[in-house]
Amino acid sequence: MNDRLVTLLADVFGLRREEIVPHLTKDDVGSWDSLKQMDLVVSLEREFNVELEIADIITMTSVEKINRVLKAKGVTIEA
């Protein structure tokens, strides 16, 4: 997984880097509420120079889905 993405997610949600795994979902993270979702969006847009649409934002409910959205935007995500 992209090291920049792992660092960003850990920072936004206050998690340790090793806790950021593809199957991690919004339901697994107590701090992942609507405000943190918007913090996530702004952070992703800045870090990866992308523009996220409402449909993207709604879709991003897990690390795996965030990866998919970023890939669709042309961001290279290492395996």
PDB file of N, CA and C in Angstrom:
ATOM      1  N   MET A   1       0.848  -1.186   0.000  1.00  0.00           N
ATOM      2  CA  MET A   1       0.000   0.000   0.000  1.00  0.00           C
ATOM      3  C   MET A   1       0.890   1.245   0.000  1.00  0.00           C
ATOM      4  N   ASN A   2       0.391   2.290  -0.569  1.00  0.00           N
ATOM      5  CA  ASN A   2       1.119   3.548  -0.690  1.00  0.00           C
ATOM      6  C   ASN A   2       1.493   4.081   0.690  1.00  0.00           C
ATOM      7  N   ASP A   3       2.791   4.304   0.890  1.00  0.00           N
ATOM      8  CA  ASP A   3       3.294   4.763   2.188  1.00  0.00           C
ATOM      9  C   ASP A   3       2.704   6.129   2.562  1.00  0.00           C
ATOM     10  N   ARG A   4       2.556   7.006   1.573  1.00  0.00           N
ATOM     11  CA  ARG A   4       1.968   8.329   1.830  1.00  0.00           C
ATOM     12  C   ARG A   4       0.522   8.185   2.308  1.00  0.00           C
ATOM     13  N   LEU A   5      -0.212   7.230   1.710  1.00  0.00           N
ATOM     14  CA  LEU A   5      -1.603   7.023   2.113  1.00  0.00           C
ATOM     15  C   LEU A   5      -1.679   6.478   3.530  1.00  0.00           C
ATOM     16  N   VAL A   6      -0.833   5.532   3.860  1.00  0.00           N
ATOM     17  CA  VAL A   6      -0.829   4.957   5.212  1.00  0.00           C
ATOM     18  C   VAL A   6      -0.549   6.051   6.239  1.00  0.00           C
ATOM     19  N   THR A   7       0.443   6.870   5.976  1.00  0.00           N
ATOM     20  CA  THR A   7       0.786   7.958   6.895  1.00  0.00           C
ATOM     21  C   THR A   7      -0.376   8.933   7.034  1.00  0.00           C
ATOM     22  N   LEU A   8      -0.990   9.293   5.915  1.00  0.00           N
ATOM     23  CA  LEU A   8      -2.118  10.221   5.933  1.00  0.00           C
ATOM     24  C   LEU A   8      -3.279   9.655   6.763  1.00  0.00           C
ATOM     25  N   LEU A   9      -3.640   8.407   6.512  1.00  0.00           N
ATOM     26  CA  LEU A   9      -4.756   7.789   7.246  1.00  0.00           C
ATOM     27  C   LEU A   9      -4.452   7.681   8.737  1.00  0.00           C
ATOM     28  N   ALA A  10      -3.229   7.319   9.074  1.00  0.00           N
ATOM     29  CA  ALA A  10      -2.842   7.228  10.484  1.00  0.00           C
ATOM     30  C   ALA A  10      -2.963   8.596  11.152  1.00  0.00           C
ATOM     31  N   ASP A  11      -2.521   9.633  10.450  1.00  0.00           N
ATOM     32  CA  ASP A  11      -2.599  10.992  11.007  1.00  0.00           C
ATOM     33  C   ASP A  11      -4.041  11.464  11.160  1.00  0.00           C
ATOM     34  N   VAL A  12      -4.846  11.269  10.133  1.00  0.00           N
ATOM     35  CA  VAL A  12      -6.236  11.741  10.168  1.00  0.00           C
ATOM     36  C   VAL A  12      -7.023  11.054  11.284  1.00  0.00           C
ATOM     37  N   PHE A  13      -6.856   9.748  11.407  1.00  0.00           N
ATOM     38  CA  PHE A  13      -7.671   8.987  12.357  1.00  0.00           C
ATOM     39  C   PHE A  13      -6.998   8.716  13.698  1.00  0.00           C
ATOM     40  N   GLY A  14      -5.763   9.164  13.865  1.00  0.00           N
ATOM     41  CA  GLY A  14      -5.074   8.962  15.137  1.00  0.00           C
ATOM     42  C   GLY A  14      -4.766   7.507  15.410  1.00  0.00           C
ATOM     43  N   LEU A  15      -4.377   6.778  14.364  1.00  0.00           N
ATOM     44  CA  LEU A  15      -4.056   5.358  14.485  1.00  0.00           C
ATOM     45  C   LEU A  15      -2.561   5.145  14.274  1.00  0.00           C
ATOM     46  N   ARG A  16      -2.088   3.963  14.655  1.00  0.00           N
ATOM     47  CA  ARG A  16      -0.712   3.580  14.365  1.00  0.00           C
ATOM     48  C   ARG A  16      -0.651   3.094  12.916  1.00  0.00           C
ATOM     49  N   ARG A  17       0.477   3.285  12.271  1.00  0.00           N
ATOM     50  CA  ARG A  17       0.619   2.887  10.864  1.00  0.00           C
ATOM     51  C   ARG A  17       0.279   1.414  10.645  1.00  0.00           C
ATOM     52  N   GLU A  18       0.653   0.559  11.576  1.00  0.00           N
ATOM     53  CA  GLU A  18       0.388  -0.879  11.406  1.00  0.00           C
ATOM     54  C   GLU A  18      -1.102  -1.223  11.499  1.00  0.00           C
ATOM     55  N   GLU A  19      -1.902  -0.303  12.007  1.00  0.00           N
ATOM     56  CA  GLU A  19      -3.355  -0.521  12.062  1.00  0.00           C
ATOM     57  C   GLU A  19      -4.040  -0.233  10.728  1.00  0.00           C
ATOM     58  N   ILE A  20      -3.339   0.415   9.816  1.00  0.00           N
ATOM     59  CA  ILE A  20      -3.914   0.770   8.526  1.00  0.00           C
ATOM     60  C   ILE A  20      -3.750  -0.415   7.582  1.00  0.00           C
ATOM     61  N   VAL A  21      -4.813  -1.169   7.426  1.00  0.00           N
ATOM     62  CA  VAL A  21      -4.835  -2.357   6.564  1.00  0.00           C
ATOM     63  C   VAL A  21      -6.020  -2.228   5.610  1.00  0.00           C
ATOM     64  N   PRO A  22      -5.968  -2.903   4.447  1.00  0.00           N
ATOM     65  CA  PRO A  22      -7.029  -2.741   3.451  1.00  0.00           C
ATOM     66  C   PRO A  22      -8.440  -3.015   3.965  1.00  0.00           C
ATOM     67  N   HIS A  23      -8.600  -3.974   4.857  1.00  0.00           N
ATOM     68  CA  HIS A  23      -9.948  -4.327   5.321  1.00  0.00           C
ATOM     69  C   HIS A  23     -10.463  -3.415   6.447  1.00  0.00           C
ATOM     70  N   LEU A  24      -9.681  -2.423   6.859  1.00  0.00           N
ATOM     71  CA  LEU A  24     -10.123  -1.484   7.893  1.00  0.00           C
ATOM     72  C   LEU A  24     -11.288  -0.651   7.356  1.00  0.00           C
ATOM     73  N   THR A  25     -12.389  -0.608   8.094  1.00  0.00           N
ATOM     74  CA  THR A  25     -13.569   0.135   7.648  1.00  0.00           C
ATOM     75  C   THR A  25     -13.919   1.258   8.617  1.00  0.00           C
ATOM     76  N   LYS A  26     -14.816   2.081   8.170  1.00  0.00           N
ATOM     77  CA  LYS A  26     -15.315   3.191   8.990  1.00  0.00           C
ATOM     78  C   LYS A  26     -15.860   2.679  10.331  1.00  0.00           C
ATOM     79  N   ASP A  27     -16.506   1.524  10.299  1.00  0.00           N
ATOM     80  CA  ASP A  27     -17.082   0.950  11.518  1.00  0.00           C
ATOM     81  C   ASP A  27     -16.021   0.496  12.522  1.00  0.00           C
ATOM     82  N   ASP A  28     -14.803   0.259  12.047  1.00  0.00           N
ATOM     83  CA  ASP A  28     -13.708  -0.197  12.907  1.00  0.00           C
ATOM     84  C   ASP A  28     -12.997   0.946  13.625  1.00  0.00           C
ATOM     85  N   VAL A  29     -13.231   2.175  13.170  1.00  0.00           N
ATOM     86  CA  VAL A  29     -12.493   3.334  13.674  1.00  0.00           C
ATOM     87  C   VAL A  29     -13.464   4.277  14.380  1.00  0.00           C
ATOM     88  N   GLY A  30     -13.359   4.337  15.703  1.00  0.00           N
ATOM     89  CA  GLY A  30     -14.277   5.159  16.493  1.00  0.00           C
ATOM     90  C   GLY A  30     -14.257   6.631  16.130  1.00  0.00           C
ATOM     91  N   SER A  31     -13.103   7.132  15.684  1.00  0.00           N
ATOM     92  CA  SER A  31     -12.996   8.556  15.367  1.00  0.00           C
ATOM     93  C   SER A  31     -13.443   8.898  13.947  1.00  0.00           C
ATOM     94  N   TRP A  32     -13.813   7.890  13.157  1.00  0.00           N
ATOM     95  CA  TRP A  32     -14.178   8.121  11.750  1.00  0.00           C
ATOM     96  C   TRP A  32     -15.640   8.537  11.658  1.00  0.00           C
ATOM     97  N   ASP A  33     -15.881   9.809  11.948  1.00  0.00           N
ATOM     98  CA  ASP A  33     -17.242  10.355  11.858  1.00  0.00           C
ATOM     99  C   ASP A  33     -17.304  11.293  10.656  1.00  0.00           C
ATOM    100  N   SER A  34     -18.394  12.040  10.521  1.00  0.00           N
ATOM    101  CA  SER A  34     -18.571  12.904   9.347  1.00  0.00           C
ATOM    102  C   SER A  34     -17.519  14.011   9.285  1.00  0.00           C
ATOM    103  N   LEU A  35     -17.110  14.533  10.424  1.00  0.00           N
ATOM    104  CA  LEU A  35     -16.070  15.568  10.417  1.00  0.00           C
ATOM    105  C   LEU A  35     -14.723  15.001   9.986  1.00  0.00           C
ATOM    106  N   LYS A  36     -14.407  13.807  10.478  1.00  0.00           N
ATOM    107  CA  LYS A  36     -13.155  13.163  10.082  1.00  0.00           C
ATOM    108  C   LYS A  36     -13.196  12.770   8.606  1.00  0.00           C
ATOM    109  N   GLN A  37     -14.370  12.437   8.092  1.00  0.00           N
ATOM    110  CA  GLN A  37     -14.504  12.111   6.670  1.00  0.00           C
ATOM    111  C   GLN A  37     -14.116  13.326   5.826  1.00  0.00           C
ATOM    112  N   MET A  38     -14.560  14.512   6.246  1.00  0.00           N
ATOM    113  CA  MET A  38     -14.218  15.721   5.507  1.00  0.00           C
ATOM    114  C   MET A  38     -12.732  16.060   5.664  1.00  0.00           C
ATOM    115  N   ASP A  39     -12.181  15.820   6.845  1.00  0.00           N
ATOM    116  CA  ASP A  39     -10.739  15.989   7.060  1.00  0.00           C
ATOM    117  C   ASP A  39      -9.976  15.047   6.129  1.00  0.00           C
ATOM    118  N   LEU A  40     -10.462  13.819   6.013  1.00  0.00           N
ATOM    119  CA  LEU A  40      -9.868  12.833   5.116  1.00  0.00           C
ATOM    120  C   LEU A  40      -9.894  13.337   3.677  1.00  0.00           C
ATOM    121  N   VAL A  41     -11.039  13.836   3.243  1.00  0.00           N
ATOM    122  CA  VAL A  41     -11.194  14.318   1.873  1.00  0.00           C
ATOM    123  C   VAL A  41     -10.201  15.442   1.570  1.00  0.00           C
ATOM    124  N   VAL A  42     -10.153  16.426   2.438  1.00  0.00           N
ATOM    125  CA  VAL A  42      -9.244  17.557   2.234  1.00  0.00           C
ATOM    126  C   VAL A  42      -7.790  17.072   2.222  1.00  0.00           C
ATOM    127  N   SER A  43      -7.458  16.189   3.127  1.00  0.00           N
ATOM    128  CA  SER A  43      -6.089  15.664   3.206  1.00  0.00           C
ATOM    129  C   SER A  43      -5.719  14.877   1.951  1.00  0.00           C
ATOM    130  N   LEU A  44      -6.628  14.037   1.469  1.00  0.00           N
ATOM    131  CA  LEU A  44      -6.367  13.267   0.255  1.00  0.00           C
ATOM    132  C   LEU A  44      -6.203  14.178  -0.953  1.00  0.00           C
ATOM    133  N   GLU A  45      -7.071  15.169  -1.063  1.00  0.00           N
ATOM    134  CA  GLU A  45      -7.001  16.091  -2.197  1.00  0.00           C
ATOM    135  C   GLU A  45      -5.671  16.835  -2.210  1.00  0.00           C
ATOM    136  N   ARG A  46      -5.221  17.267  -1.056  1.00  0.00           N
ATOM    137  CA  ARG A  46      -3.941  17.988  -0.969  1.00  0.00           C
ATOM    138  C   ARG A  46      -2.758  17.075  -1.239  1.00  0.00           C
ATOM    139  N   GLU A  47      -2.748  15.924  -0.598  1.00  0.00           N
ATOM    140  CA  GLU A  47      -1.604  15.014  -0.687  1.00  0.00           C
ATOM    141  C   GLU A  47      -1.418  14.445  -2.094  1.00  0.00           C
ATOM    142  N   PHE A  48      -2.529  14.091  -2.746  1.00  0.00           N
ATOM    143  CA  PHE A  48      -2.447  13.404  -4.031  1.00  0.00           C
ATOM    144  C   PHE A  48      -2.864  14.275  -5.216  1.00  0.00           C
ATOM    145  N   ASN A  49      -3.133  15.553  -4.953  1.00  0.00           N
ATOM    146  CA  ASN A  49      -3.499  16.497  -6.005  1.00  0.00           C
ATOM    147  C   ASN A  49      -4.648  15.966  -6.870  1.00  0.00           C
ATOM    148  N   VAL A  50      -5.722  15.558  -6.199  1.00  0.00           N
ATOM    149  CA  VAL A  50      -6.923  15.066  -6.873  1.00  0.00           C
ATOM    150  C   VAL A  50      -8.120  15.883  -6.412  1.00  0.00           C
ATOM    151  N   GLU A  51      -9.187  15.802  -7.182  1.00  0.00           N
ATOM    152  CA  GLU A  51     -10.445  16.424  -6.785  1.00  0.00           C
ATOM    153  C   GLU A  51     -11.468  15.314  -6.595  1.00  0.00           C
ATOM    154  N   LEU A  52     -11.990  15.199  -5.393  1.00  0.00           N
ATOM    155  CA  LEU A  52     -12.948  14.146  -5.086  1.00  0.00           C
ATOM    156  C   LEU A  52     -14.372  14.670  -5.235  1.00  0.00           C
ATOM    157  N   GLU A  53     -15.184  13.871  -5.888  1.00  0.00           N
ATOM    158  CA  GLU A  53     -16.590  14.199  -6.093  1.00  0.00           C
ATOM    159  C   GLU A  53     -17.419  13.632  -4.935  1.00  0.00           C
ATOM    160  N   ILE A  54     -18.649  14.074  -4.835  1.00  0.00           N
ATOM    161  CA  ILE A  54     -19.549  13.582  -3.773  1.00  0.00           C
ATOM    162  C   ILE A  54     -19.651  12.061  -3.812  1.00  0.00           C
ATOM    163  N   ALA A  55     -19.789  11.484  -5.001  1.00  0.00           N
ATOM    164  CA  ALA A  55     -19.887  10.022  -5.122  1.00  0.00           C
ATOM    165  C   ALA A  55     -18.630   9.346  -4.579  1.00  0.00           C
ATOM    166  N   ASP A  56     -17.461   9.935  -4.815  1.00  0.00           N
ATOM    167  CA  ASP A  56     -16.208   9.385  -4.280  1.00  0.00           C
ATOM    168  C   ASP A  56     -16.218   9.416  -2.758  1.00  0.00           C
ATOM    169  N   ILE A  57     -16.634  10.551  -2.223  1.00  0.00           N
ATOM    170  CA  ILE A  57     -16.634  10.753  -0.772  1.00  0.00           C
ATOM    171  C   ILE A  57     -17.555   9.748  -0.084  1.00  0.00           C
ATOM    172  N   ILE A  58     -18.716   9.534  -0.673  1.00  0.00           N
ATOM    173  CA  ILE A  58     -19.684   8.578  -0.114  1.00  0.00           C
ATOM    174  C   ILE A  58     -19.141   7.157  -0.189  1.00  0.00           C
ATOM    175  N   THR A  59     -18.417   6.854  -1.251  1.00  0.00           N
ATOM    176  CA  THR A  59     -17.861   5.512  -1.460  1.00  0.00           C
ATOM    177  C   THR A  59     -16.765   5.161  -0.464  1.00  0.00           C
ATOM    178  N   MET A  60     -16.019   6.155  -0.007  1.00  0.00           N
ATOM    179  CA  MET A  60     -14.827   5.908   0.802  1.00  0.00           C
ATOM    180  C   MET A  60     -15.177   5.544   2.251  1.00  0.00           C
ATOM    181  N   THR A  61     -15.530   4.273   2.448  1.00  0.00           N
ATOM    182  CA  THR A  61     -15.891   3.800   3.784  1.00  0.00           C
ATOM    183  C   THR A  61     -14.925   2.732   4.306  1.00  0.00           C
ATOM    184  N   SER A  62     -13.859   2.485   3.558  1.00  0.00           N
ATOM    185  CA  SER A  62     -12.823   1.548   4.005  1.00  0.00           C
ATOM    186  C   SER A  62     -11.513   1.930   3.321  1.00  0.00           C
ATOM    187  N   VAL A  63     -10.427   1.405   3.832  1.00  0.00           N
ATOM    188  CA  VAL A  63      -9.127   1.669   3.227  1.00  0.00           C
ATOM    189  C   VAL A  63      -9.108   1.120   1.805  1.00  0.00           C
ATOM    190  N   GLU A  64      -9.664  -0.059   1.600  1.00  0.00           N
ATOM    191  CA  GLU A  64      -9.717  -0.657   0.272  1.00  0.00           C
ATOM    192  C   GLU A  64     -10.487   0.238  -0.710  1.00  0.00           C
ATOM    193  N   LYS A  65     -11.609   0.791  -0.278  1.00  0.00           N
ATOM    194  CA  LYS A  65     -12.397   1.658  -1.151  1.00  0.00           C
ATOM    195  C   LYS A  65     -11.698   2.990  -1.406  1.00  0.00           C
ATOM    196  N   ILE A  66     -10.968   3.486  -0.428  1.00  0.00           N
ATOM    197  CA  ILE A  66     -10.170   4.701  -0.633  1.00  0.00           C
ATOM    198  C   ILE A  66      -9.117   4.418  -1.705  1.00  0.00           C
ATOM    199  N   ASN A  67      -8.473   3.254  -1.626  1.00  0.00           N
ATOM    200  CA  ASN A  67      -7.496   2.853  -2.643  1.00  0.00           C
ATOM    201  C   ASN A  67      -8.125   2.844  -4.029  1.00  0.00           C
ATOM    202  N   ARG A  68      -9.312   2.261  -4.144  1.00  0.00           N
ATOM    203  CA  ARG A  68     -10.001   2.181  -5.444  1.00  0.00           C
ATOM    204  C   ARG A  68     -10.299   3.565  -6.005  1.00  0.00           C
ATOM    205  N   VAL A  69     -10.793   4.449  -5.150  1.00  0.00           N
ATOM    206  CA  VAL A  69     -11.113   5.814  -5.593  1.00  0.00           C
ATOM    207  C   VAL A  69      -9.849   6.513  -6.076  1.00  0.00           C
ATOM    208  N   LEU A  70      -8.768   6.396  -5.320  1.00  0.00           N
ATOM    209  CA  LEU A  70      -7.516   7.043  -5.715  1.00  0.00           C
ATOM    210  C   LEU A  70      -6.978   6.460  -7.013  1.00  0.00           C
ATOM    211  N   LYS A  71      -7.036   5.144  -7.178  1.00  0.00           N
ATOM    212  CA  LYS A  71      -6.597   4.520  -8.427  1.00  0.00           C
ATOM    213  C   LYS A  71      -7.406   5.050  -9.602  1.00  0.00           C
ATOM    214  N   ALA A  72      -8.721   5.187  -9.411  1.00  0.00           N
ATOM    215  CA  ALA A  72      -9.588   5.705 -10.467  1.00  0.00           C
ATOM    216  C   ALA A  72      -9.231   7.144 -10.833  1.00  0.00           C
ATOM    217  N   LYS A  73      -8.624   7.854  -9.895  1.00  0.00           N
ATOM    218  CA  LYS A  73      -8.197   9.240 -10.124  1.00  0.00           C
ATOM    219  C   LYS A  73      -6.774   9.320 -10.689  1.00  0.00           C
ATOM    220  N   GLY A  74      -6.156   8.144 -10.921  1.00  0.00           N
ATOM    221  CA  GLY A  74      -4.830   8.118 -11.514  1.00  0.00           C
ATOM    222  C   GLY A  74      -3.677   8.075 -10.527  1.00  0.00           C
ATOM    223  N   VAL A  75      -3.979   7.882  -9.250  1.00  0.00           N
ATOM    224  CA  VAL A  75      -2.931   7.801  -8.233  1.00  0.00           C
ATOM    225  C   VAL A  75      -2.368   6.381  -8.218  1.00  0.00           C
ATOM    226  N   THR A  76      -1.050   6.272  -8.233  1.00  0.00           N
ATOM    227  CA  THR A  76      -0.400   4.959  -8.193  1.00  0.00           C
ATOM    228  C   THR A  76      -0.360   4.463  -6.758  1.00  0.00           C
ATOM    229  N   ILE A  77      -0.982   3.311  -6.537  1.00  0.00           N
ATOM    230  CA  ILE A  77      -1.018   2.697  -5.205  1.00  0.00           C
ATOM    231  C   ILE A  77      -0.245   1.380  -5.303  1.00  0.00           C
ATOM    232  N   GLU A  78       0.875   1.290  -4.601  1.00  0.00           N
ATOM    233  CA  GLU A  78       1.649   0.057  -4.599  1.00  0.00           C
ATOM    234  C   GLU A  78       0.897  -1.036  -3.870  1.00  0.00           C
ATOM    235  N   ALA A  79       1.158  -2.270  -4.237  1.00  0.00           N
ATOM    236  CA  ALA A  79       0.522  -3.412  -3.568  1.00  0.00           C
ATOM    237  C   ALA A  79       1.143  -3.663  -2.223  1.00  0.00           C
TER     238      ALA A  79
END
